[in-house]
Amino acid sequence: MAFFDKLKESLGESLRGVKELWSGGIASLFSGGSFDECFWENLEEMLISGDVGVDLSEEIVSDLKARAKSAGITAKRDLKSVFVSMISDRLSSVEGMGRPFEITRPPLVLLMIGVNGSGKTTSSGKLASRFLAQGKKVVMAAADTFRAAATEQLQLWGERVGVRVVAQKQGSDPAAVAFDAWQAAKASSADVLIVDTAGRLHAKHNLMEELRKIYRVLEREAGAERIQVVLVLDAVMGQNGLAQAETFNGILPLSAIILAKYDNTAKGGIILRIASNLKVPIRYIGLGEGALDLSPFDPAVFAAALMELEDDKE
């Protein structure tokens, strides 16, 4: 319980600014006395402004109205816990939401995708660190051969956490790097292979073909059942992040999402839209630069922390 208390404290602290930004301070709507039609209109507007989207916002408000009527709730304060439960339930309905990666047939292959600057390489290193802490053996592949800096960054992570990084010279075939890394992971009886890839959306067609080739090579060698395609999204992107997710999901079968950089500049609604639109689980969430900056995403903790008020006064 100590770990989860610490996680909730960390999440609550990181969401303090988000709570004020998400939907323009939606939590404040649920303080005070009875609600009226103006309350519902304001709630819908705030959800939309917080990147929840028009259709989903209307659906959430309609559902909340129905629950309030069914339970005979007349006070906004009493409606708050129902709203929190609704958010948590919607997120939890996505299979795998918040669950750590499971290694059923080692080596597990995590194919890390996303645009440049989203936090892919950093997330790869931190995932490696988490697996090592669990006593697992990890190999990483520097398959972003377009940027020398990307390879160097991953190699620094490898040195930092003590993980072998398979790399080739700049301009090499990324699929060849992935192949070599798979062979190395298999030969060394590794539990996990983490493959870092490029994310050049300005060269969208070439990038997507490159990703498809990497996936085909890994699928041929490792089998699709071993591969988890992990999209790393910069939470600050908001609606653009959802557009990125939809683009990548159209190219490869997304297995999981890591929402990086979820700090005081992010909006919470994008999480609901991703869950609703894509049905892809968010496995981890980035909370800043501290020790828990890549933590398992807990829908219940997220919903509760997001709606906590500093002063719960009428």
Protein backbone atom coordinates (compact mmCIF):
# COMPACT_ATOMS: atom_id res chain seq x y z
CA MET A 1 0.00 0.00 0.00
CA ALA A 2 2.92 2.34 0.67
CA PHE A 3 3.88 2.30 -3.02
CA PHE A 4 0.35 3.13 -4.17
CA ASP A 5 0.03 5.89 -1.55
CA LYS A 6 3.28 7.36 -2.85
CA LEU A 7 2.09 7.00 -6.44
CA LYS A 8 -1.21 8.73 -5.64
CA GLU A 9 0.63 11.54 -3.86
CA SER A 10 2.98 11.95 -6.83
CA LEU A 11 0.12 11.81 -9.33
CA GLY A 12 -1.96 14.25 -7.35
CA GLU A 13 0.94 16.69 -7.15
CA SER A 14 1.66 16.40 -10.87
CA LEU A 15 -2.00 16.88 -11.71
CA ARG A 16 -2.39 19.98 -9.56
CA GLY A 17 -1.87 22.29 -12.50
CA VAL A 18 -3.61 19.92 -14.89
CA LYS A 19 -6.70 20.02 -12.71
CA GLU A 20 -6.89 23.77 -13.20
CA LEU A 21 -6.14 23.58 -16.92
CA TRP A 22 -8.18 20.53 -17.84
CA SER A 23 -11.55 21.79 -18.90
CA GLY A 24 -10.72 25.18 -17.41
CA GLY A 25 -11.01 23.98 -13.82
CA ILE A 26 -13.80 21.43 -14.13
CA ALA A 27 -13.46 20.28 -10.52
CA SER A 28 -14.72 23.66 -9.29
CA LEU A 29 -18.08 23.02 -10.95
CA PHE A 30 -18.82 20.27 -8.44
CA SER A 31 -18.59 22.45 -5.34
CA GLY A 32 -21.59 24.29 -3.97
CA GLY A 33 -25.29 23.55 -3.80
CA SER A 34 -27.85 22.25 -6.28
CA PHE A 35 -27.28 22.07 -10.02
CA ASP A 36 -29.39 23.52 -12.80
CA GLU A 37 -29.37 23.53 -16.60
CA CYS A 38 -26.55 26.06 -16.57
CA PHE A 39 -24.41 23.53 -14.67
CA TRP A 40 -24.85 20.93 -17.42
CA GLU A 41 -24.07 23.45 -20.15
CA ASN A 42 -20.93 24.61 -18.36
CA LEU A 43 -19.83 21.03 -17.77
CA GLU A 44 -20.18 20.16 -21.44
CA GLU A 45 -18.33 23.31 -22.53
CA MET A 46 -15.49 22.61 -20.12
CA LEU A 47 -15.17 19.01 -21.25
CA ILE A 48 -14.96 20.14 -24.86
CA SER A 49 -12.35 22.79 -24.03
CA GLY A 50 -10.34 20.09 -22.22
CA ASP A 51 -9.91 17.99 -25.40
CA VAL A 52 -12.66 15.49 -24.60
CA GLY A 53 -14.38 16.25 -27.91
CA VAL A 54 -17.96 17.24 -28.73
CA ASP A 55 -19.53 13.81 -29.16
CA LEU A 56 -17.88 12.25 -26.13
CA SER A 57 -18.63 15.32 -23.98
CA GLU A 58 -22.31 15.12 -24.89
CA GLU A 59 -22.31 11.41 -24.10
CA ILE A 60 -20.66 11.90 -20.70
CA VAL A 61 -23.04 14.70 -19.69
CA SER A 62 -26.06 12.67 -20.80
CA ASP A 63 -24.84 9.65 -18.83
CA LEU A 64 -24.21 11.77 -15.74
CA LYS A 65 -27.67 13.31 -15.97
CA ALA A 66 -29.24 9.87 -16.13
CA ARG A 67 -27.26 8.64 -13.14
CA ALA A 68 -28.16 11.73 -11.11
CA LYS A 69 -31.84 11.23 -11.87
CA SER A 70 -31.73 7.51 -11.11
CA ALA A 71 -29.98 8.06 -7.76
CA GLY A 72 -32.06 11.08 -6.81
CA ILE A 73 -29.00 13.30 -6.54
CA THR A 74 -29.69 17.03 -6.36
CA ALA A 75 -26.44 18.52 -5.02
CA LYS A 76 -23.34 19.09 -7.11
CA ARG A 77 -21.14 17.94 -4.25
CA ASP A 78 -22.86 14.53 -4.23
CA LEU A 79 -22.52 14.29 -8.01
CA LYS A 80 -18.75 14.64 -7.87
CA SER A 81 -18.05 11.05 -6.77
CA VAL A 82 -20.38 9.75 -9.48
CA PHE A 83 -18.48 11.72 -12.11
CA VAL A 84 -15.14 10.41 -10.82
CA SER A 85 -16.48 6.85 -10.95
CA MET A 86 -17.70 7.39 -14.51
CA ILE A 87 -14.26 8.55 -15.68
CA SER A 88 -12.55 5.63 -13.98
CA ASP A 89 -15.03 3.09 -15.37
CA ARG A 90 -14.72 4.42 -18.92
CA LEU A 91 -10.96 4.14 -18.81
CA SER A 92 -10.96 0.75 -17.08
CA SER A 93 -13.28 -0.68 -19.74
CA VAL A 94 -10.35 -0.71 -22.19
CA GLU A 95 -8.62 -4.08 -21.92
CA GLY A 96 -5.13 -3.78 -20.46
CA MET A 97 -5.58 -0.19 -19.25
CA GLY A 98 -2.90 0.61 -16.69
CA ARG A 99 -1.43 -2.89 -16.60
CA PRO A 100 2.35 -3.39 -16.77
CA PHE A 101 3.73 -5.32 -19.72
CA GLU A 102 3.64 -9.08 -19.19
CA ILE A 103 6.37 -11.39 -20.41
CA THR A 104 4.62 -14.59 -21.45
CA ARG A 105 7.08 -15.73 -24.14
CA PRO A 106 10.50 -14.13 -23.77
CA PRO A 107 11.93 -12.16 -25.34
CA LEU A 108 9.03 -9.72 -25.24
CA VAL A 109 9.49 -7.20 -28.07
CA LEU A 110 8.47 -3.59 -27.40
CA LEU A 111 8.44 -1.64 -30.66
CA MET A 112 8.55 2.01 -29.58
CA ILE A 113 6.99 4.41 -32.07
CA GLY A 114 5.98 8.08 -32.10
CA VAL A 115 7.09 11.44 -33.46
CA ASN A 116 10.47 12.94 -32.69
CA GLY A 117 10.43 14.78 -29.39
CA SER A 118 7.59 12.75 -27.91
CA GLY A 119 9.83 11.09 -25.34
CA LYS A 120 10.34 7.74 -27.11
CA THR A 121 14.00 7.27 -26.33
CA THR A 122 13.68 8.45 -22.75
CA SER A 123 10.68 6.19 -22.22
CA SER A 124 12.64 3.29 -23.70
CA GLY A 125 15.44 3.84 -21.22
CA LYS A 126 13.09 4.14 -18.28
CA LEU A 127 11.21 1.00 -19.29
CA ALA A 128 14.54 -0.81 -19.44
CA SER A 129 15.30 0.44 -15.95
CA ARG A 130 11.94 -0.83 -14.66
CA PHE A 131 12.48 -4.28 -16.13
CA LEU A 132 15.98 -4.45 -14.69
CA ALA A 133 14.58 -3.61 -11.27
CA GLN A 134 12.34 -6.67 -11.67
CA GLY A 135 15.38 -8.84 -12.33
CA LYS A 136 14.79 -9.07 -16.09
CA LYS A 137 17.46 -9.04 -18.77
CA VAL A 138 17.01 -6.32 -21.39
CA VAL A 139 18.48 -5.53 -24.81
CA MET A 140 17.77 -2.25 -26.62
CA ALA A 141 17.96 -1.49 -30.34
CA ALA A 142 18.84 1.93 -31.75
CA ALA A 143 16.65 1.68 -34.86
CA ASP A 144 16.42 5.44 -35.34
CA THR A 145 19.38 5.53 -37.69
CA PHE A 146 18.33 8.82 -39.29
CA ARG A 147 19.56 10.91 -36.35
CA ALA A 148 22.95 10.23 -34.83
CA ALA A 149 21.77 12.00 -31.69
CA ALA A 150 19.02 9.42 -31.21
CA THR A 151 21.50 6.55 -31.20
CA GLU A 152 23.80 8.43 -28.85
CA GLN A 153 20.94 9.18 -26.46
CA LEU A 154 19.89 5.53 -26.32
CA GLN A 155 23.50 4.45 -25.81
CA LEU A 156 23.76 6.87 -22.89
CA TRP A 157 20.69 5.26 -21.39
CA GLY A 158 22.24 1.86 -21.95
CA GLU A 159 25.36 2.91 -20.09
CA ARG A 160 23.31 4.53 -17.34
CA VAL A 161 21.16 1.50 -16.55
CA GLY A 162 23.54 -1.25 -17.68
CA VAL A 163 21.81 -2.53 -20.81
CA ARG A 164 23.34 -3.62 -24.10
CA VAL A 165 22.37 -1.36 -27.01
CA VAL A 166 22.57 -2.81 -30.53
CA ALA A 167 23.39 -0.05 -33.02
CA GLN A 168 24.81 0.52 -36.48
CA LYS A 169 26.21 3.58 -38.25
CA GLN A 170 23.99 6.50 -39.17
CA GLY A 171 21.96 5.84 -42.31
CA SER A 172 21.87 2.06 -41.85
CA ASP A 173 18.70 0.10 -42.52
CA PRO A 174 16.61 0.31 -39.31
CA ALA A 175 15.07 -3.08 -40.01
CA ALA A 176 18.57 -4.59 -40.09
CA VAL A 177 19.27 -3.08 -36.67
CA ALA A 178 16.03 -4.59 -35.36
CA PHE A 179 17.00 -7.97 -36.82
CA ASP A 180 20.47 -7.88 -35.25
CA ALA A 181 18.97 -6.84 -31.93
CA TRP A 182 16.47 -9.71 -32.01
CA GLN A 183 19.28 -12.17 -32.68
CA ALA A 184 21.29 -10.69 -29.80
CA ALA A 185 18.31 -10.80 -27.45
CA LYS A 186 17.55 -14.40 -28.35
CA ALA A 187 21.19 -15.51 -28.11
CA SER A 188 21.63 -13.91 -24.69
CA SER A 189 18.31 -15.27 -23.34
CA ALA A 190 17.04 -11.75 -22.76
CA ASP A 191 13.56 -11.26 -21.36
CA VAL A 192 12.84 -8.03 -23.21
CA LEU A 193 13.91 -6.34 -26.43
CA ILE A 194 13.12 -2.63 -26.67
CA VAL A 195 13.34 -1.22 -30.21
CA ASP A 196 13.58 2.57 -30.48
CA THR A 197 12.50 3.94 -33.87
CA ALA A 198 12.48 7.22 -35.82
CA GLY A 199 9.54 9.61 -35.88
CA ARG A 200 9.89 11.96 -38.82
CA LEU A 201 6.31 12.92 -39.66
CA HIS A 202 7.55 15.50 -42.17
CA ALA A 203 8.64 12.46 -44.20
CA LYS A 204 5.44 10.64 -43.36
CA HIS A 205 5.27 8.14 -46.21
CA ASN A 206 8.90 7.03 -45.89
CA LEU A 207 8.61 6.82 -42.11
CA MET A 208 5.52 4.67 -42.22
CA GLU A 209 7.02 2.32 -44.77
CA GLU A 210 10.12 2.10 -42.60
CA LEU A 211 8.03 1.18 -39.55
CA ARG A 212 6.10 -1.42 -41.54
CA LYS A 213 9.39 -3.01 -42.63
CA ILE A 214 10.72 -3.11 -39.07
CA TYR A 215 7.49 -4.71 -37.89
CA ARG A 216 7.52 -7.29 -40.71
CA VAL A 217 11.08 -8.31 -39.85
CA LEU A 218 10.29 -8.65 -36.15
CA GLU A 219 7.04 -10.47 -36.87
CA ARG A 220 8.88 -12.95 -39.10
CA GLU A 221 11.61 -13.56 -36.53
CA ALA A 222 9.78 -13.25 -33.20
CA GLY A 223 6.14 -13.89 -34.09
CA ALA A 224 3.32 -11.37 -33.73
CA GLU A 225 2.34 -12.74 -30.32
CA ARG A 226 5.63 -11.49 -28.83
CA ILE A 227 5.37 -7.95 -30.20
CA GLN A 228 3.84 -4.98 -28.42
CA VAL A 229 3.64 -1.84 -30.55
CA VAL A 230 3.99 0.99 -28.05
CA LEU A 231 3.06 4.54 -29.07
CA VAL A 232 4.72 7.27 -27.00
CA LEU A 233 2.64 10.44 -27.01
CA ASP A 234 3.62 13.87 -25.76
CA ALA A 235 0.66 14.75 -23.53
CA VAL A 236 1.16 18.45 -24.20
CA MET A 237 0.01 17.86 -27.79
CA GLY A 238 -3.64 17.46 -26.80
CA GLN A 239 -5.81 16.95 -29.89
CA ASN A 240 -2.73 16.71 -32.10
CA GLY A 241 -1.66 13.77 -29.98
CA LEU A 242 -4.91 12.00 -30.77
CA ALA A 243 -4.39 12.69 -34.47
CA GLN A 244 -0.92 11.17 -34.21
CA ALA A 245 -2.33 8.12 -32.45
CA GLU A 246 -4.92 7.64 -35.17
CA THR A 247 -2.25 7.97 -37.87
CA PHE A 248 0.08 5.42 -36.31
CA ASN A 249 -2.81 3.09 -35.49
CA GLY A 250 -3.66 3.06 -39.18
CA ILE A 251 -0.17 1.80 -39.99
CA LEU A 252 0.60 -0.70 -37.22
CA PRO A 253 -1.60 -2.51 -34.70
CA LEU A 254 -1.10 -0.40 -31.57
CA SER A 255 -0.85 -2.48 -28.40
CA ALA A 256 -0.25 0.22 -25.81
CA ILE A 257 0.34 3.91 -25.21
CA ILE A 258 2.78 5.68 -22.94
CA LEU A 259 1.63 9.22 -22.22
CA ALA A 260 4.87 11.11 -21.60
CA LYS A 261 5.39 14.61 -20.23
CA TYR A 262 2.05 14.60 -18.43
CA ASP A 263 2.85 17.59 -16.28
CA ASN A 264 1.22 20.91 -15.50
CA THR A 265 0.85 21.86 -19.15
CA ALA A 266 -1.25 18.87 -20.19
CA LYS A 267 -5.00 18.45 -20.53
CA GLY A 268 -6.70 15.41 -19.03
CA GLY A 269 -9.40 15.03 -21.65
CA ILE A 270 -7.06 13.54 -24.24
CA ILE A 271 -6.84 10.39 -22.11
CA LEU A 272 -10.61 9.90 -22.31
CA ARG A 273 -10.63 10.45 -26.07
CA ILE A 274 -7.81 8.00 -26.68
CA ALA A 275 -9.60 5.37 -24.60
CA SER A 276 -12.93 6.02 -26.30
CA ASN A 277 -11.75 6.41 -29.89
CA LEU A 278 -8.92 3.90 -30.15
CA LYS A 279 -9.59 1.36 -27.38
CA VAL A 280 -5.81 1.19 -26.84
CA PRO A 281 -4.66 0.92 -23.21
CA ILE A 282 -2.48 3.57 -21.62
CA ARG A 283 0.12 1.51 -19.77
CA TYR A 284 2.32 4.20 -18.28
CA ILE A 285 2.16 7.91 -17.65
CA GLY A 286 5.05 10.34 -17.35
CA LEU A 287 4.84 12.54 -14.27
CA GLY A 288 7.94 14.72 -14.55
CA GLU A 289 11.58 14.25 -13.67
CA GLY A 290 11.35 12.43 -10.34
CA ALA A 291 11.82 8.77 -9.45
CA LEU A 292 8.23 8.00 -10.36
CA ASP A 293 8.29 9.85 -13.65
CA LEU A 294 7.22 6.73 -15.55
CA SER A 295 4.56 5.03 -13.48
CA PRO A 296 1.80 2.54 -14.26
CA PHE A 297 -1.35 4.44 -15.18
CA ASP A 298 -4.14 3.84 -12.67
CA PRO A 299 -7.57 5.02 -13.93
CA ALA A 300 -9.07 5.24 -10.43
CA VAL A 301 -6.12 7.19 -9.02
CA PHE A 302 -6.09 9.43 -12.09
CA ALA A 303 -9.81 10.25 -11.84
CA ALA A 304 -9.66 10.90 -8.09
CA ALA A 305 -6.52 13.03 -8.26
CA LEU A 306 -7.88 15.05 -11.16
CA MET A 307 -11.03 15.97 -9.28
CA GLU A 308 -9.57 16.68 -5.85
CA LEU A 309 -10.09 20.29 -4.77
CA GLU A 310 -7.55 22.19 -2.68
CA ASP A 311 -10.41 23.73 -0.71
CA ASP A 312 -13.60 21.73 -0.73
CA LYS A 313 -15.75 24.56 0.56
CA GLU A 314 -19.17 25.71 -0.51
